[in-house]
Amino acid sequence: MTEFVYLDPPDTESLEIEIPGDGVLDLTTVTAVTFEVTKPGGTEVSWTAAITSAAVDLLICEHAYDPGDVSVQGSYRVMVHMTVPAGTERAGPVYFEGVQ
């Protein structure tokens, strides 16, 4: 199922991503998260994200939209970059559609 986000959402709306565990990485060791976003047309940006819940096998993180985040119609690709003691781990991709 594709998630739809209206263009220029208010900062009271957010993108929440749930990352299931893989049985190897303890998700409670994640100390920071960024969303690496590819917008329609190929522009790449980084969005800050907050960890809202962390368990060994499930991490929930959220980005409150900023002005300009979703400004173009089309498919947005999100890769989650997680800071862990050993460096950086990635999850995703997650996709959503920016709509008018």
C-alpha atoms as a PDB file:
ATOM      1  CA  MET A   1       0.000   0.000   0.000  1.00  0.00           C
ATOM      2  CA  THR A   2       1.358   3.401  -0.988  1.00  0.00           C
ATOM      3  CA  GLU A   3       1.153   6.278   1.465  1.00  0.00           C
ATOM      4  CA  PHE A   4       0.044   9.622   0.041  1.00  0.00           C
ATOM      5  CA  VAL A   5       1.219  12.963   1.436  1.00  0.00           C
ATOM      6  CA  TYR A   6      -0.298  16.249   0.319  1.00  0.00           C
ATOM      7  CA  LEU A   7       2.182  18.838  -0.937  1.00  0.00           C
ATOM      8  CA  ASP A   8       3.484  21.264   1.695  1.00  0.00           C
ATOM      9  CA  PRO A   9       2.097  19.460   4.753  1.00  0.00           C
ATOM     10  CA  PRO A  10       1.990  21.475   7.992  1.00  0.00           C
ATOM     11  CA  ASP A  11       4.651  20.848  10.635  1.00  0.00           C
ATOM     12  CA  THR A  12       1.962  19.204  12.755  1.00  0.00           C
ATOM     13  CA  GLU A  13       2.086  16.241  10.344  1.00  0.00           C
ATOM     14  CA  SER A  14       4.943  13.753  10.260  1.00  0.00           C
ATOM     15  CA  LEU A  15       6.377  10.734   8.514  1.00  0.00           C
ATOM     16  CA  GLU A  16       6.631   7.736  10.840  1.00  0.00           C
ATOM     17  CA  ILE A  17       8.672   4.697   9.847  1.00  0.00           C
ATOM     18  CA  GLU A  18       8.738   1.375  11.694  1.00  0.00           C
ATOM     19  CA  ILE A  19      11.907  -0.686  11.323  1.00  0.00           C
ATOM     20  CA  PRO A  20      11.565  -4.353  12.260  1.00  0.00           C
ATOM     21  CA  GLY A  21      14.565  -6.137  13.715  1.00  0.00           C
ATOM     22  CA  ASP A  22      16.623  -8.564  11.670  1.00  0.00           C
ATOM     23  CA  GLY A  23      17.585 -10.830  14.568  1.00  0.00           C
ATOM     24  CA  VAL A  24      21.180  -9.560  14.500  1.00  0.00           C
ATOM     25  CA  LEU A  25      21.111  -5.846  15.336  1.00  0.00           C
ATOM     26  CA  ASP A  26      19.725  -4.850  18.748  1.00  0.00           C
ATOM     27  CA  LEU A  27      17.664  -1.785  17.815  1.00  0.00           C
ATOM     28  CA  THR A  28      17.941  -0.383  21.358  1.00  0.00           C
ATOM     29  CA  THR A  29      21.569   0.470  20.474  1.00  0.00           C
ATOM     30  CA  VAL A  30      20.493   3.019  17.842  1.00  0.00           C
ATOM     31  CA  THR A  31      21.426   6.501  19.088  1.00  0.00           C
ATOM     32  CA  ALA A  32      20.386   8.695  16.134  1.00  0.00           C
ATOM     33  CA  VAL A  33      18.397   8.457  12.912  1.00  0.00           C
ATOM     34  CA  THR A  34      18.277  10.428   9.665  1.00  0.00           C
ATOM     35  CA  PHE A  35      16.035   9.946   6.660  1.00  0.00           C
ATOM     36  CA  GLU A  36      17.974  10.180   3.399  1.00  0.00           C
ATOM     37  CA  VAL A  37      15.324  11.234   0.891  1.00  0.00           C
ATOM     38  CA  THR A  38      15.383  11.173  -2.894  1.00  0.00           C
ATOM     39  CA  LYS A  39      12.702  13.517  -4.230  1.00  0.00           C
ATOM     40  CA  PRO A  40      11.013  13.212  -7.626  1.00  0.00           C
ATOM     41  CA  GLY A  41      13.551  14.383 -10.192  1.00  0.00           C
ATOM     42  CA  GLY A  42      16.498  13.007  -8.194  1.00  0.00           C
ATOM     43  CA  THR A  43      17.221  15.749  -5.646  1.00  0.00           C
ATOM     44  CA  GLU A  44      18.681  14.179  -2.476  1.00  0.00           C
ATOM     45  CA  VAL A  45      18.158  15.684   0.988  1.00  0.00           C
ATOM     46  CA  SER A  46      18.589  14.620   4.630  1.00  0.00           C
ATOM     47  CA  TRP A  47      15.737  14.916   7.114  1.00  0.00           C
ATOM     48  CA  THR A  48      16.303  14.708  10.856  1.00  0.00           C
ATOM     49  CA  ALA A  49      14.252  12.092  12.651  1.00  0.00           C
ATOM     50  CA  ALA A  50      13.431  11.367  16.265  1.00  0.00           C
ATOM     51  CA  ILE A  51      13.384   7.924  17.829  1.00  0.00           C
ATOM     52  CA  THR A  52       9.916   7.599  19.343  1.00  0.00           C
ATOM     53  CA  SER A  53      10.175   3.961  20.460  1.00  0.00           C
ATOM     54  CA  ALA A  54      13.003   1.434  20.599  1.00  0.00           C
ATOM     55  CA  ALA A  55      12.893  -2.256  21.417  1.00  0.00           C
ATOM     56  CA  VAL A  56      15.327  -5.033  20.565  1.00  0.00           C
ATOM     57  CA  ASP A  57      13.225  -6.000  17.531  1.00  0.00           C
ATOM     58  CA  LEU A  58      11.391  -2.782  16.555  1.00  0.00           C
ATOM     59  CA  LEU A  59      12.446   0.841  16.101  1.00  0.00           C
ATOM     60  CA  ILE A  60       9.933   3.601  15.428  1.00  0.00           C
ATOM     61  CA  CYS A  61      11.217   6.938  14.184  1.00  0.00           C
ATOM     62  CA  GLU A  62       9.488  10.087  13.029  1.00  0.00           C
ATOM     63  CA  HIS A  63      10.205  13.265  11.051  1.00  0.00           C
ATOM     64  CA  ALA A  64       7.967  16.323  11.503  1.00  0.00           C
ATOM     65  CA  TYR A  65       7.633  17.946   8.091  1.00  0.00           C
ATOM     66  CA  ASP A  66       9.436  21.221   7.453  1.00  0.00           C
ATOM     67  CA  PRO A  67       8.426  23.755   4.787  1.00  0.00           C
ATOM     68  CA  GLY A  68       9.622  22.528   1.401  1.00  0.00           C
ATOM     69  CA  ASP A  69      10.020  18.882   2.411  1.00  0.00           C
ATOM     70  CA  VAL A  70       7.204  17.662   0.161  1.00  0.00           C
ATOM     71  CA  SER A  71       7.053  20.320  -2.542  1.00  0.00           C
ATOM     72  CA  VAL A  72       6.961  18.253  -5.747  1.00  0.00           C
ATOM     73  CA  GLN A  73       4.396  15.733  -6.963  1.00  0.00           C
ATOM     74  CA  GLY A  74       5.652  12.198  -7.453  1.00  0.00           C
ATOM     75  CA  SER A  75       7.431   9.341  -5.723  1.00  0.00           C
ATOM     76  CA  TYR A  76       9.704   9.984  -2.728  1.00  0.00           C
ATOM     77  CA  ARG A  77      12.262   7.333  -1.685  1.00  0.00           C
ATOM     78  CA  VAL A  78      13.382   7.247   1.951  1.00  0.00           C
ATOM     79  CA  MET A  79      16.408   5.331   3.276  1.00  0.00           C
ATOM     80  CA  VAL A  80      16.779   5.232   7.056  1.00  0.00           C
ATOM     81  CA  HIS A  81      20.331   5.734   8.356  1.00  0.00           C
ATOM     82  CA  MET A  82      20.791   4.612  11.959  1.00  0.00           C
ATOM     83  CA  THR A  83      23.798   5.473  14.120  1.00  0.00           C
ATOM     84  CA  VAL A  84      24.930   2.451  16.160  1.00  0.00           C
ATOM     85  CA  PRO A  85      28.082   1.796  18.198  1.00  0.00           C
ATOM     86  CA  ALA A  86      29.785   0.100  15.237  1.00  0.00           C
ATOM     87  CA  GLY A  87      28.982   2.941  12.784  1.00  0.00           C
ATOM     88  CA  THR A  88      25.950   3.294  10.522  1.00  0.00           C
ATOM     89  CA  GLU A  89      23.273   0.788   9.553  1.00  0.00           C
ATOM     90  CA  ARG A  90      20.635   1.343   6.871  1.00  0.00           C
ATOM     91  CA  ALA A  91      17.038   0.252   6.452  1.00  0.00           C
ATOM     92  CA  GLY A  92      14.521   0.718   3.688  1.00  0.00           C
ATOM     93  CA  PRO A  93      13.697   1.911   1.233  1.00  0.00           C
ATOM     94  CA  VAL A  94      10.263   3.284   2.072  1.00  0.00           C
ATOM     95  CA  TYR A  95       8.250   5.100  -0.596  1.00  0.00           C
ATOM     96  CA  PHE A  96       5.433   7.632  -0.531  1.00  0.00           C
ATOM     97  CA  GLU A  97       3.678   9.755  -3.127  1.00  0.00           C
ATOM     98  CA  GLY A  98       3.526  13.541  -2.947  1.00  0.00           C
ATOM     99  CA  VAL A  99       0.095  14.582  -4.258  1.00  0.00           C
ATOM    100  CA  GLN A 100      -1.728  17.852  -4.928  1.00  0.00           C
END
